[in-house]
Structures are given as C-alpha cells and as structure tokens.
Amino acid sequence: MLIAAIVALGVGTYAMRLGGVLLRGRLKLSPTLERLLPMAAAALLAALAGTAALMAGTDFAGVARPAGVLVGGILAWRKAPFVVVVLAAAATAALLRLAGVP
C-alpha cells in the first residue's frame, strides 16, 4: 500500500512537470499573471521556511531554532560559504539550547 502511494505521487509529480512543458506554448497568460507567478512561488517558499523555522509539530519550536535560522539567513545574505552558514546556524541553536533556552 505504501509503495503504491509513493509510486502514484511520483507519477503525478512527473505528469505535472511534463504537463507544464507541453502546455507552455498552448496556454496564454496575461502579462500581469506572468509577473505575479514568480512572486507567488517565492511567497510560498517563504511561508514554508517560516513554518518550518517556527513550528515543531503543532507547537512553537522555541527561541533557539528561529535564532539559528536567523543567523543562517544573515550569513547567507552576506554570501558566506554554505558550510559556514549551516554550521553557524546549528551552533547557534545548539548553544542556546545548551544554555537552557527552549
């Protein structure tokens, strides 16, 4: 049952991607919609990142996780190497949790 669900989701994902490629020339979008679609994708990713940073299941994740994400975001914005971003974010959250901050 689980394998069938995974296969169905995989087939659906590739069908949607293929549909986008095949229908791109047939579907005419307004210039306003073409301008707004990339912003909608960015807003969706930001909402997903915000939810993952702030929530642990249905509860607030505490202060340590958002603080680590903030440190990682600032370093990424300053164009630090990826390894530095990940290690600094993890170290920030770990040190705050070690200090007793939830």
N, C-alpha and C. Protein backbone atom coordinates (compact mmCIF):
# COMPACT_ATOMS: atom_id res chain seq x y z
N MET A 1 0.83 -1.19 0.00
CA MET A 1 0.00 0.00 0.00
C MET A 1 0.87 1.26 0.00
N LEU A 2 1.90 1.28 0.86
CA LEU A 2 2.78 2.44 0.93
C LEU A 2 3.55 2.61 -0.38
N ILE A 3 4.02 1.52 -0.95
CA ILE A 3 4.76 1.59 -2.22
C ILE A 3 3.85 2.13 -3.32
N ALA A 4 2.59 1.71 -3.33
CA ALA A 4 1.65 2.19 -4.35
C ALA A 4 1.43 3.70 -4.21
N ALA A 5 1.34 4.18 -2.98
CA ALA A 5 1.15 5.62 -2.76
C ALA A 5 2.37 6.40 -3.23
N ILE A 6 3.56 5.88 -2.94
CA ILE A 6 4.79 6.55 -3.36
C ILE A 6 4.89 6.59 -4.88
N VAL A 7 4.58 5.48 -5.52
CA VAL A 7 4.62 5.42 -6.98
C VAL A 7 3.59 6.38 -7.57
N ALA A 8 2.37 6.41 -7.00
CA ALA A 8 1.33 7.32 -7.50
C ALA A 8 1.74 8.77 -7.37
N LEU A 9 2.35 9.13 -6.25
CA LEU A 9 2.81 10.51 -6.07
C LEU A 9 3.95 10.84 -7.04
N GLY A 10 4.84 9.89 -7.26
CA GLY A 10 5.92 10.12 -8.22
C GLY A 10 5.41 10.31 -9.63
N VAL A 11 4.47 9.45 -10.04
CA VAL A 11 3.89 9.57 -11.38
C VAL A 11 3.14 10.89 -11.51
N GLY A 12 2.40 11.27 -10.48
CA GLY A 12 1.68 12.55 -10.52
C GLY A 12 2.61 13.73 -10.62
N THR A 13 3.71 13.68 -9.90
CA THR A 13 4.70 14.78 -9.95
C THR A 13 5.27 14.92 -11.35
N TYR A 14 5.70 13.81 -11.93
CA TYR A 14 6.28 13.89 -13.27
C TYR A 14 5.23 14.26 -14.31
N ALA A 15 3.98 13.84 -14.12
CA ALA A 15 2.92 14.22 -15.05
C ALA A 15 2.68 15.73 -15.00
N MET A 16 2.71 16.30 -13.81
CA MET A 16 2.53 17.76 -13.69
C MET A 16 3.69 18.50 -14.36
N ARG A 17 4.91 18.02 -14.15
CA ARG A 17 6.06 18.66 -14.78
C ARG A 17 5.99 18.55 -16.31
N LEU A 18 5.65 17.38 -16.79
CA LEU A 18 5.53 17.18 -18.23
C LEU A 18 4.40 18.04 -18.80
N GLY A 19 3.29 18.14 -18.06
CA GLY A 19 2.18 18.99 -18.49
C GLY A 19 2.60 20.44 -18.62
N GLY A 20 3.42 20.92 -17.70
CA GLY A 20 3.91 22.29 -17.79
C GLY A 20 4.74 22.52 -19.04
N VAL A 21 5.58 21.55 -19.37
CA VAL A 21 6.42 21.67 -20.57
C VAL A 21 5.57 21.61 -21.83
N LEU A 22 4.62 20.70 -21.87
CA LEU A 22 3.80 20.51 -23.06
C LEU A 22 2.78 21.62 -23.27
N LEU A 23 2.25 22.17 -22.20
CA LEU A 23 1.21 23.18 -22.32
C LEU A 23 1.73 24.60 -22.35
N ARG A 24 3.01 24.80 -22.16
CA ARG A 24 3.57 26.16 -22.11
C ARG A 24 3.27 26.95 -23.37
N GLY A 25 3.39 26.33 -24.51
CA GLY A 25 3.13 27.02 -25.77
C GLY A 25 1.65 27.20 -26.07
N ARG A 26 0.79 26.40 -25.48
CA ARG A 26 -0.64 26.45 -25.78
C ARG A 26 -1.40 27.38 -24.84
N LEU A 27 -0.85 27.63 -23.67
CA LEU A 27 -1.55 28.41 -22.66
C LEU A 27 -1.04 29.85 -22.69
N LYS A 28 -1.95 30.78 -22.89
CA LYS A 28 -1.57 32.19 -22.95
C LYS A 28 -1.94 32.84 -21.61
N LEU A 29 -0.94 33.35 -20.92
CA LEU A 29 -1.15 34.03 -19.65
C LEU A 29 -1.03 35.54 -19.86
N SER A 30 -1.75 36.27 -19.06
CA SER A 30 -1.66 37.72 -19.15
C SER A 30 -0.30 38.18 -18.63
N PRO A 31 0.18 39.32 -19.07
CA PRO A 31 1.47 39.81 -18.58
C PRO A 31 1.48 40.02 -17.07
N THR A 32 0.34 40.42 -16.51
CA THR A 32 0.27 40.61 -15.07
C THR A 32 0.45 39.28 -14.34
N LEU A 33 -0.21 38.25 -14.82
CA LEU A 33 -0.09 36.94 -14.20
C LEU A 33 1.33 36.39 -14.37
N GLU A 34 1.93 36.59 -15.51
CA GLU A 34 3.32 36.14 -15.71
C GLU A 34 4.28 36.84 -14.77
N ARG A 35 3.98 38.10 -14.42
CA ARG A 35 4.82 38.83 -13.48
C ARG A 35 4.59 38.37 -12.04
N LEU A 36 3.34 37.97 -11.72
CA LEU A 36 3.00 37.60 -10.36
C LEU A 36 3.36 36.15 -10.00
N LEU A 37 3.42 35.27 -10.97
CA LEU A 37 3.69 33.86 -10.67
C LEU A 37 5.04 33.62 -9.98
N PRO A 38 6.14 34.22 -10.42
CA PRO A 38 7.39 34.02 -9.68
C PRO A 38 7.32 34.55 -8.25
N MET A 39 6.59 35.65 -8.05
CA MET A 39 6.44 36.18 -6.69
C MET A 39 5.61 35.25 -5.83
N ALA A 40 4.62 34.60 -6.42
CA ALA A 40 3.80 33.65 -5.67
C ALA A 40 4.63 32.44 -5.25
N ALA A 41 5.51 32.00 -6.12
CA ALA A 41 6.38 30.88 -5.76
C ALA A 41 7.32 31.27 -4.62
N ALA A 42 7.86 32.48 -4.67
CA ALA A 42 8.74 32.94 -3.59
C ALA A 42 7.97 33.08 -2.28
N ALA A 43 6.74 33.57 -2.34
CA ALA A 43 5.93 33.70 -1.13
C ALA A 43 5.61 32.33 -0.53
N LEU A 44 5.34 31.36 -1.38
CA LEU A 44 5.06 30.00 -0.90
C LEU A 44 6.29 29.41 -0.23
N LEU A 45 7.46 29.58 -0.82
CA LEU A 45 8.69 29.07 -0.20
C LEU A 45 9.00 29.78 1.10
N ALA A 46 8.76 31.08 1.17
CA ALA A 46 8.98 31.83 2.41
C ALA A 46 8.04 31.35 3.51
N ALA A 47 6.78 31.10 3.16
CA ALA A 47 5.83 30.60 4.15
C ALA A 47 6.23 29.23 4.65
N LEU A 48 6.70 28.38 3.76
CA LEU A 48 7.15 27.04 4.14
C LEU A 48 8.37 27.13 5.07
N ALA A 49 9.31 27.98 4.72
CA ALA A 49 10.50 28.15 5.56
C ALA A 49 10.14 28.74 6.92
N GLY A 50 9.23 29.69 6.93
CA GLY A 50 8.80 30.28 8.20
C GLY A 50 8.11 29.28 9.10
N THR A 51 7.26 28.46 8.52
CA THR A 51 6.56 27.43 9.29
C THR A 51 7.56 26.41 9.84
N ALA A 52 8.50 25.99 9.02
CA ALA A 52 9.49 25.01 9.47
C ALA A 52 10.40 25.60 10.55
N ALA A 53 10.68 26.90 10.47
CA ALA A 53 11.56 27.53 11.45
C ALA A 53 10.86 27.78 12.78
N LEU A 54 9.57 28.04 12.76
CA LEU A 54 8.87 28.44 13.97
C LEU A 54 8.09 27.33 14.66
N MET A 55 7.76 26.28 13.94
CA MET A 55 6.87 25.26 14.49
C MET A 55 7.57 23.90 14.60
N ALA A 56 7.23 23.19 15.67
CA ALA A 56 7.66 21.80 15.84
C ALA A 56 6.39 21.00 16.02
N GLY A 57 5.90 20.42 14.96
CA GLY A 57 4.60 19.76 15.00
C GLY A 57 3.51 20.82 15.06
N THR A 58 2.74 20.81 16.14
CA THR A 58 1.69 21.82 16.29
C THR A 58 2.05 22.86 17.35
N ASP A 59 3.25 22.76 17.92
CA ASP A 59 3.67 23.68 18.97
C ASP A 59 4.78 24.60 18.47
N PHE A 60 4.94 25.71 19.18
CA PHE A 60 6.02 26.64 18.88
C PHE A 60 7.36 25.96 19.16
N ALA A 61 8.32 26.13 18.27
CA ALA A 61 9.60 25.43 18.38
C ALA A 61 10.51 26.00 19.46
N GLY A 62 10.18 27.14 20.00
CA GLY A 62 11.04 27.79 20.98
C GLY A 62 11.88 28.86 20.30
N VAL A 63 12.76 29.46 21.05
CA VAL A 63 13.55 30.58 20.56
C VAL A 63 14.82 30.12 19.85
N ALA A 64 15.36 28.98 20.25
CA ALA A 64 16.66 28.54 19.72
C ALA A 64 16.61 28.27 18.22
N ARG A 65 15.58 27.60 17.74
CA ARG A 65 15.52 27.28 16.32
C ARG A 65 15.38 28.54 15.45
N PRO A 66 14.44 29.44 15.75
CA PRO A 66 14.37 30.66 14.93
C PRO A 66 15.64 31.51 15.01
N ALA A 67 16.30 31.49 16.16
CA ALA A 67 17.56 32.24 16.27
C ALA A 67 18.62 31.64 15.35
N GLY A 68 18.70 30.32 15.30
CA GLY A 68 19.64 29.65 14.39
C GLY A 68 19.32 29.94 12.94
N VAL A 69 18.03 29.93 12.60
CA VAL A 69 17.62 30.25 11.23
C VAL A 69 17.97 31.69 10.90
N LEU A 70 17.77 32.59 11.85
CA LEU A 70 18.11 34.00 11.63
C LEU A 70 19.61 34.17 11.37
N VAL A 71 20.43 33.52 12.19
CA VAL A 71 21.89 33.60 11.98
C VAL A 71 22.26 33.03 10.62
N GLY A 72 21.69 31.89 10.27
CA GLY A 72 21.97 31.30 8.96
C GLY A 72 21.51 32.19 7.82
N GLY A 73 20.33 32.80 7.97
CA GLY A 73 19.82 33.71 6.94
C GLY A 73 20.71 34.93 6.74
N ILE A 74 21.18 35.50 7.85
CA ILE A 74 22.06 36.67 7.75
C ILE A 74 23.37 36.28 7.07
N LEU A 75 23.93 35.14 7.45
CA LEU A 75 25.18 34.71 6.81
C LEU A 75 24.98 34.39 5.33
N ALA A 76 23.86 33.79 4.99
CA ALA A 76 23.59 33.51 3.58
C ALA A 76 23.41 34.80 2.80
N TRP A 77 22.74 35.76 3.40
CA TRP A 77 22.55 37.07 2.76
C TRP A 77 23.90 37.76 2.55
N ARG A 78 24.82 37.57 3.48
CA ARG A 78 26.16 38.15 3.36
C ARG A 78 27.07 37.31 2.48
N LYS A 79 26.50 36.28 1.85
CA LYS A 79 27.19 35.40 0.90
C LYS A 79 28.33 34.60 1.54
N ALA A 80 28.10 34.12 2.74
CA ALA A 80 29.07 33.24 3.40
C ALA A 80 29.00 31.86 2.73
N PRO A 81 30.07 31.09 2.79
CA PRO A 81 30.02 29.73 2.22
C PRO A 81 28.93 28.89 2.89
N PHE A 82 28.36 27.98 2.14
CA PHE A 82 27.23 27.18 2.62
C PHE A 82 27.57 26.43 3.89
N VAL A 83 28.75 25.85 3.96
CA VAL A 83 29.14 25.09 5.15
C VAL A 83 29.17 25.99 6.37
N VAL A 84 29.66 27.20 6.20
CA VAL A 84 29.70 28.16 7.31
C VAL A 84 28.29 28.52 7.76
N VAL A 85 27.39 28.72 6.80
CA VAL A 85 26.00 29.05 7.12
C VAL A 85 25.37 27.94 7.95
N VAL A 86 25.51 26.71 7.49
CA VAL A 86 24.89 25.58 8.18
C VAL A 86 25.51 25.38 9.56
N LEU A 87 26.81 25.42 9.64
CA LEU A 87 27.47 25.20 10.93
C LEU A 87 27.16 26.31 11.93
N ALA A 88 27.12 27.55 11.47
CA ALA A 88 26.81 28.67 12.38
C ALA A 88 25.37 28.60 12.87
N ALA A 89 24.44 28.25 11.97
CA ALA A 89 23.04 28.13 12.38
C ALA A 89 22.87 27.00 13.38
N ALA A 90 23.49 25.87 13.12
CA ALA A 90 23.38 24.73 14.03
C ALA A 90 24.05 25.04 15.37
N ALA A 91 25.20 25.68 15.32
CA ALA A 91 25.90 26.01 16.56
C ALA A 91 25.11 27.02 17.39
N THR A 92 24.49 27.97 16.74
CA THR A 92 23.68 28.95 17.46
C THR A 92 22.53 28.27 18.18
N ALA A 93 21.81 27.43 17.47
CA ALA A 93 20.68 26.73 18.10
C ALA A 93 21.17 25.80 19.20
N ALA A 94 22.26 25.09 18.97
CA ALA A 94 22.79 24.15 19.97
C ALA A 94 23.27 24.88 21.23
N LEU A 95 23.97 25.99 21.05
CA LEU A 95 24.46 26.73 22.21
C LEU A 95 23.32 27.35 23.01
N LEU A 96 22.31 27.84 22.32
CA LEU A 96 21.16 28.39 23.04
C LEU A 96 20.43 27.29 23.81
N ARG A 97 20.29 26.13 23.21
CA ARG A 97 19.65 25.02 23.92
C ARG A 97 20.50 24.53 25.08
N LEU A 98 21.80 24.53 24.90
CA LEU A 98 22.71 24.16 25.98
C LEU A 98 22.62 25.15 27.14
N ALA A 99 22.37 26.41 26.83
CA ALA A 99 22.23 27.44 27.86
C ALA A 99 20.86 27.40 28.52
N GLY A 100 20.00 26.53 28.06
CA GLY A 100 18.69 26.39 28.69
C GLY A 100 17.57 27.15 28.01
N VAL A 101 17.87 27.80 26.89
CA VAL A 101 16.84 28.49 26.14
C VAL A 101 16.06 27.46 25.32
N PRO A 102 14.74 27.46 25.43
CA PRO A 102 13.98 26.42 24.69
C PRO A 102 14.04 26.60 23.19
